[in-house]
Amino acid sequence: MQLNPYGEYAVLLAASLANDWPGDREGIVARTYEFGMTAIYAPAAATDHDATRSVVDDWLDVVDADDPGRRAELLNGLMAAATAYPRLTDHDGDWHLHYRDDDQRLPQVLRAVFAVGTALHITTRGMERLSRCAAGRAPGDPCRNVVVDITRNGRQRYCSVRCANRDGVRRHRAKVALAHRGR
């Protein structure tokens, strides 16, 4: 079965890169393959690592947009910057869609994949299904990881069980402290 990298896999890849940035271009390419992409990228350029970081940072602006209208505006800008017609390809032996030109370098490929994948994710699952870890909203908690909610019930708020547990303990301790002050 051919996985469509423009669905949730694209958003999960973008979040993975945002949450754990690779040290070089080869690390980025390896991550794309881990997430099911089968693209053959144009020859490497010295600017690919930094340019891809810029693509991820632009995508993080979409993640951080609080207003659905603003999120859509930013995402539309990303898709416009990708500017390519959808096309069928079988470069890996299986027919599937590309939303990019075949001769693009890594940053341009990922801009198109992230933009279309994110648009598909939020329009099919909901605008609120892309956020930062809820633990990071707590005072003193530095977690800023991206959360891509792909759960059935749409209630994923933490990037990991560890963050959910740590935030639960923090809330419990605050409740106990408040109860003790009220005596």
C-alpha atoms as a PDB file:
ATOM      1  CA  MET A   1       0.000   0.000   0.000  1.00  0.00           C
ATOM      2  CA  GLN A   2       1.324   3.432  -0.934  1.00  0.00           C
ATOM      3  CA  LEU A   3       1.182   5.919   1.950  1.00  0.00           C
ATOM      4  CA  ASN A   4       0.087   9.402   0.963  1.00  0.00           C
ATOM      5  CA  PRO A   5       2.711  11.751   2.434  1.00  0.00           C
ATOM      6  CA  TYR A   6       0.321  14.670   2.030  1.00  0.00           C
ATOM      7  CA  GLY A   7      -1.976  13.412   4.800  1.00  0.00           C
ATOM      8  CA  GLU A   8      -1.119  13.078   8.460  1.00  0.00           C
ATOM      9  CA  TYR A   9       2.359  11.790   7.644  1.00  0.00           C
ATOM     10  CA  ALA A  10       3.385  15.198   6.296  1.00  0.00           C
ATOM     11  CA  VAL A  11       2.201  16.965   9.447  1.00  0.00           C
ATOM     12  CA  LEU A  12       3.864  14.379  11.679  1.00  0.00           C
ATOM     13  CA  LEU A  13       7.107  14.819   9.712  1.00  0.00           C
ATOM     14  CA  ALA A  14       6.937  18.602  10.055  1.00  0.00           C
ATOM     15  CA  ALA A  15       6.343  18.266  13.807  1.00  0.00           C
ATOM     16  CA  SER A  16       9.200  15.782  14.113  1.00  0.00           C
ATOM     17  CA  LEU A  17      11.595  18.196  12.427  1.00  0.00           C
ATOM     18  CA  ALA A  18      10.322  21.117  14.517  1.00  0.00           C
ATOM     19  CA  ASN A  19      10.627  19.163  17.762  1.00  0.00           C
ATOM     20  CA  ASP A  20      14.011  17.559  17.012  1.00  0.00           C
ATOM     21  CA  TRP A  21      15.943  19.452  14.359  1.00  0.00           C
ATOM     22  CA  PRO A  22      18.574  17.334  12.562  1.00  0.00           C
ATOM     23  CA  GLY A  23      22.136  18.619  12.448  1.00  0.00           C
ATOM     24  CA  ASP A  24      22.535  18.349   8.691  1.00  0.00           C
ATOM     25  CA  ARG A  25      20.771  17.807   5.371  1.00  0.00           C
ATOM     26  CA  GLU A  26      21.341  14.054   5.499  1.00  0.00           C
ATOM     27  CA  GLY A  27      19.475  13.929   8.812  1.00  0.00           C
ATOM     28  CA  ILE A  28      16.522  15.741   7.266  1.00  0.00           C
ATOM     29  CA  VAL A  29      16.450  13.377   4.286  1.00  0.00           C
ATOM     30  CA  ALA A  30      16.677  10.343   6.587  1.00  0.00           C
ATOM     31  CA  ARG A  31      13.714  11.673   8.574  1.00  0.00           C
ATOM     32  CA  THR A  32      11.641  12.084   5.394  1.00  0.00           C
ATOM     33  CA  TYR A  33      12.183   8.405   4.616  1.00  0.00           C
ATOM     34  CA  GLU A  34      11.309   7.420   8.221  1.00  0.00           C
ATOM     35  CA  PHE A  35       7.943   9.128   7.715  1.00  0.00           C
ATOM     36  CA  GLY A  36       7.149   7.321   4.477  1.00  0.00           C
ATOM     37  CA  MET A  37       8.274   9.734   1.794  1.00  0.00           C
ATOM     38  CA  THR A  38       9.840   8.135  -1.235  1.00  0.00           C
ATOM     39  CA  ALA A  39      10.920  11.269  -3.077  1.00  0.00           C
ATOM     40  CA  ILE A  40      14.098  11.503  -5.049  1.00  0.00           C
ATOM     41  CA  TYR A  41      15.394  14.991  -4.311  1.00  0.00           C
ATOM     42  CA  ALA A  42      17.304  17.179  -6.738  1.00  0.00           C
ATOM     43  CA  PRO A  43      21.037  17.409  -6.050  1.00  0.00           C
ATOM     44  CA  ALA A  44      21.976  18.856  -2.693  1.00  0.00           C
ATOM     45  CA  ALA A  45      22.810  22.523  -2.360  1.00  0.00           C
ATOM     46  CA  ALA A  46      24.895  24.108   0.377  1.00  0.00           C
ATOM     47  CA  THR A  47      21.841  26.125   1.444  1.00  0.00           C
ATOM     48  CA  ASP A  48      19.436  23.168   1.847  1.00  0.00           C
ATOM     49  CA  HIS A  49      19.837  22.769   5.633  1.00  0.00           C
ATOM     50  CA  ASP A  50      19.257  26.455   6.425  1.00  0.00           C
ATOM     51  CA  ALA A  51      16.530  26.821   3.793  1.00  0.00           C
ATOM     52  CA  THR A  52      14.684  23.802   5.192  1.00  0.00           C
ATOM     53  CA  ARG A  53      14.921  25.319   8.687  1.00  0.00           C
ATOM     54  CA  SER A  54      13.237  28.410   7.250  1.00  0.00           C
ATOM     55  CA  VAL A  55      10.456  26.202   5.826  1.00  0.00           C
ATOM     56  CA  VAL A  56       9.936  24.608   9.256  1.00  0.00           C
ATOM     57  CA  ASP A  57       9.895  28.043  10.917  1.00  0.00           C
ATOM     58  CA  ASP A  58       7.259  29.251   8.438  1.00  0.00           C
ATOM     59  CA  TRP A  59       5.221  26.136   9.240  1.00  0.00           C
ATOM     60  CA  LEU A  60       5.562  26.874  12.971  1.00  0.00           C
ATOM     61  CA  ASP A  61       3.906  30.249  12.349  1.00  0.00           C
ATOM     62  CA  VAL A  62       0.867  28.247  11.183  1.00  0.00           C
ATOM     63  CA  VAL A  63       1.030  26.070  14.317  1.00  0.00           C
ATOM     64  CA  ASP A  64       1.236  29.123  16.580  1.00  0.00           C
ATOM     65  CA  ALA A  65      -1.623  31.036  14.948  1.00  0.00           C
ATOM     66  CA  ASP A  66      -4.399  31.241  17.552  1.00  0.00           C
ATOM     67  CA  ASP A  67      -7.137  32.401  15.221  1.00  0.00           C
ATOM     68  CA  PRO A  68      -8.447  29.934  12.580  1.00  0.00           C
ATOM     69  CA  GLY A  69      -8.656  32.750  10.017  1.00  0.00           C
ATOM     70  CA  ARG A  70      -5.035  33.717  10.598  1.00  0.00           C
ATOM     71  CA  ARG A  71      -3.985  30.059  10.464  1.00  0.00           C
ATOM     72  CA  ALA A  72      -5.748  29.667   7.109  1.00  0.00           C
ATOM     73  CA  GLU A  73      -4.174  32.883   5.792  1.00  0.00           C
ATOM     74  CA  LEU A  74      -0.654  31.703   6.707  1.00  0.00           C
ATOM     75  CA  LEU A  75      -1.275  28.242   5.315  1.00  0.00           C
ATOM     76  CA  ASN A  76      -2.641  29.668   2.062  1.00  0.00           C
ATOM     77  CA  GLY A  77       0.577  31.667   1.794  1.00  0.00           C
ATOM     78  CA  LEU A  78       2.647  28.510   2.193  1.00  0.00           C
ATOM     79  CA  MET A  79       0.627  26.718  -0.466  1.00  0.00           C
ATOM     80  CA  ALA A  80       0.939  29.683  -2.831  1.00  0.00           C
ATOM     81  CA  ALA A  81       4.716  29.662  -2.317  1.00  0.00           C
ATOM     82  CA  ALA A  82       4.769  25.968  -3.265  1.00  0.00           C
ATOM     83  CA  THR A  83       3.057  26.776  -6.595  1.00  0.00           C
ATOM     84  CA  ALA A  84       2.865  23.546  -8.528  1.00  0.00           C
ATOM     85  CA  TYR A  85       0.047  21.625 -10.122  1.00  0.00           C
ATOM     86  CA  PRO A  86      -0.873  18.245  -8.641  1.00  0.00           C
ATOM     87  CA  ARG A  87       0.419  15.441 -10.832  1.00  0.00           C
ATOM     88  CA  LEU A  88       0.485  11.672 -10.923  1.00  0.00           C
ATOM     89  CA  THR A  89       3.891  10.035 -10.667  1.00  0.00           C
ATOM     90  CA  ASP A  90       5.286   6.530 -10.377  1.00  0.00           C
ATOM     91  CA  HIS A  91       8.929   7.380  -9.643  1.00  0.00           C
ATOM     92  CA  ASP A  92       9.046   4.611  -7.023  1.00  0.00           C
ATOM     93  CA  GLY A  93       6.955   2.044  -8.898  1.00  0.00           C
ATOM     94  CA  ASP A  94       3.616   3.009  -7.309  1.00  0.00           C
ATOM     95  CA  TRP A  95       1.281   5.652  -8.698  1.00  0.00           C
ATOM     96  CA  HIS A  96       0.591   8.539  -6.349  1.00  0.00           C
ATOM     97  CA  LEU A  97       0.095  12.319  -6.319  1.00  0.00           C
ATOM     98  CA  HIS A  98       2.777  14.967  -6.036  1.00  0.00           C
ATOM     99  CA  TYR A  99       1.879  18.570  -5.272  1.00  0.00           C
ATOM    100  CA  ARG A 100       5.240  19.809  -6.492  1.00  0.00           C
ATOM    101  CA  ASP A 101       7.467  19.880  -9.535  1.00  0.00           C
ATOM    102  CA  ASP A 102       9.773  16.880  -9.963  1.00  0.00           C
ATOM    103  CA  ASP A 103      13.034  18.831 -10.162  1.00  0.00           C
ATOM    104  CA  GLN A 104      12.758  20.751  -6.882  1.00  0.00           C
ATOM    105  CA  ARG A 105      15.313  20.718  -4.087  1.00  0.00           C
ATOM    106  CA  LEU A 106      14.592  19.486  -0.584  1.00  0.00           C
ATOM    107  CA  PRO A 107      13.318  22.782   0.939  1.00  0.00           C
ATOM    108  CA  GLN A 108      10.812  23.330  -1.873  1.00  0.00           C
ATOM    109  CA  VAL A 109       9.618  19.726  -1.714  1.00  0.00           C
ATOM    110  CA  LEU A 110       9.056  19.968   2.030  1.00  0.00           C
ATOM    111  CA  ARG A 111       7.285  23.337   1.743  1.00  0.00           C
ATOM    112  CA  ALA A 112       4.758  21.760  -0.633  1.00  0.00           C
ATOM    113  CA  VAL A 113       4.396  18.577   1.419  1.00  0.00           C
ATOM    114  CA  PHE A 114       3.969  20.444   4.721  1.00  0.00           C
ATOM    115  CA  ALA A 115       1.554  23.003   3.294  1.00  0.00           C
ATOM    116  CA  VAL A 116      -0.736  20.536   1.534  1.00  0.00           C
ATOM    117  CA  GLY A 117      -0.498  17.959   4.338  1.00  0.00           C
ATOM    118  CA  THR A 118      -1.329  20.531   6.988  1.00  0.00           C
ATOM    119  CA  ALA A 119      -4.242  21.868   4.937  1.00  0.00           C
ATOM    120  CA  LEU A 120      -5.607  18.332   4.570  1.00  0.00           C
ATOM    121  CA  HIS A 121      -5.073  17.636   8.276  1.00  0.00           C
ATOM    122  CA  ILE A 122      -6.850  20.700   9.629  1.00  0.00           C
ATOM    123  CA  THR A 123      -9.689  20.657   7.107  1.00  0.00           C
ATOM    124  CA  THR A 124     -10.494  16.983   7.695  1.00  0.00           C
ATOM    125  CA  ARG A 125      -9.779  16.755  11.434  1.00  0.00           C
ATOM    126  CA  GLY A 126     -10.309  20.332  12.633  1.00  0.00           C
ATOM    127  CA  MET A 127      -8.406  23.594  12.976  1.00  0.00           C
ATOM    128  CA  GLU A 128      -7.686  22.872  16.650  1.00  0.00           C
ATOM    129  CA  ARG A 129      -5.867  19.606  15.872  1.00  0.00           C
ATOM    130  CA  LEU A 130      -2.478  21.318  15.594  1.00  0.00           C
ATOM    131  CA  SER A 131      -0.949  23.057  18.596  1.00  0.00           C
ATOM    132  CA  ARG A 132       1.910  23.317  21.052  1.00  0.00           C
ATOM    133  CA  CYS A 133       2.156  20.961  24.039  1.00  0.00           C
ATOM    134  CA  ALA A 134      -0.269  21.962  26.811  1.00  0.00           C
ATOM    135  CA  ALA A 135       2.444  21.358  29.408  1.00  0.00           C
ATOM    136  CA  GLY A 136       4.286  24.369  28.007  1.00  0.00           C
ATOM    137  CA  ARG A 137       1.437  26.638  29.117  1.00  0.00           C
ATOM    138  CA  ALA A 138       2.238  25.891  32.759  1.00  0.00           C
ATOM    139  CA  PRO A 139       4.486  28.352  34.585  1.00  0.00           C
ATOM    140  CA  GLY A 140       8.080  27.157  34.469  1.00  0.00           C
ATOM    141  CA  ASP A 141       7.519  24.346  31.953  1.00  0.00           C
ATOM    142  CA  PRO A 142       9.656  24.917  28.883  1.00  0.00           C
ATOM    143  CA  CYS A 143       8.008  22.339  26.582  1.00  0.00           C
ATOM    144  CA  ARG A 144       7.254  23.947  23.218  1.00  0.00           C
ATOM    145  CA  ASN A 145       6.874  20.755  21.197  1.00  0.00           C
ATOM    146  CA  VAL A 146       4.280  20.591  18.449  1.00  0.00           C
ATOM    147  CA  VAL A 147       1.290  18.299  18.965  1.00  0.00           C
ATOM    148  CA  VAL A 148      -0.392  16.817  15.898  1.00  0.00           C
ATOM    149  CA  ASP A 149      -3.661  15.394  17.165  1.00  0.00           C
ATOM    150  CA  ILE A 150      -4.495  12.289  15.142  1.00  0.00           C
ATOM    151  CA  THR A 151      -6.577  10.651  17.866  1.00  0.00           C
ATOM    152  CA  ARG A 152     -10.135   9.553  17.217  1.00  0.00           C
ATOM    153  CA  ASN A 153     -11.605  11.689  19.994  1.00  0.00           C
ATOM    154  CA  GLY A 154      -9.579  14.804  19.189  1.00  0.00           C
ATOM    155  CA  ARG A 155      -8.357  15.375  22.730  1.00  0.00           C
ATOM    156  CA  GLN A 156      -4.573  15.048  22.439  1.00  0.00           C
ATOM    157  CA  ARG A 157      -3.037  18.059  24.162  1.00  0.00           C
ATOM    158  CA  TYR A 158       0.421  16.823  25.173  1.00  0.00           C
ATOM    159  CA  CYS A 159       3.408  15.850  23.057  1.00  0.00           C
ATOM    160  CA  SER A 160       4.161  12.831  25.239  1.00  0.00           C
ATOM    161  CA  VAL A 161       2.951  10.785  28.189  1.00  0.00           C
ATOM    162  CA  ARG A 162       5.825  12.294  30.153  1.00  0.00           C
ATOM    163  CA  CYS A 163       4.524  15.845  29.633  1.00  0.00           C
ATOM    164  CA  ALA A 164       0.951  14.790  30.424  1.00  0.00           C
ATOM    165  CA  ASN A 165       2.058  13.131  33.667  1.00  0.00           C
ATOM    166  CA  ARG A 166       4.289  16.036  34.677  1.00  0.00           C
ATOM    167  CA  ASP A 167       1.441  18.501  34.090  1.00  0.00           C
ATOM    168  CA  GLY A 168      -0.984  16.262  36.002  1.00  0.00           C
ATOM    169  CA  VAL A 169       1.368  16.161  38.989  1.00  0.00           C
ATOM    170  CA  ARG A 170       1.779  19.938  38.834  1.00  0.00           C
ATOM    171  CA  ARG A 171      -2.002  20.467  38.808  1.00  0.00           C
ATOM    172  CA  HIS A 172      -2.472  17.987  41.665  1.00  0.00           C
ATOM    173  CA  ARG A 173       0.171  19.712  43.791  1.00  0.00           C
ATOM    174  CA  ALA A 174      -1.392  23.104  43.119  1.00  0.00           C
ATOM    175  CA  LYS A 175      -4.801  21.763  44.167  1.00  0.00           C
ATOM    176  CA  VAL A 176      -3.388  20.257  47.391  1.00  0.00           C
ATOM    177  CA  ALA A 177      -1.519  23.489  48.195  1.00  0.00           C
ATOM    178  CA  LEU A 178      -4.708  25.501  47.648  1.00  0.00           C
ATOM    179  CA  ALA A 179      -6.651  23.160  49.912  1.00  0.00           C
ATOM    180  CA  HIS A 180      -4.034  23.543  52.659  1.00  0.00           C
ATOM    181  CA  ARG A 181      -4.150  27.327  52.433  1.00  0.00           C
ATOM    182  CA  GLY A 182      -7.941  27.212  52.768  1.00  0.00           C
ATOM    183  CA  ARG A 183      -7.817  25.565  56.208  1.00  0.00           C
END
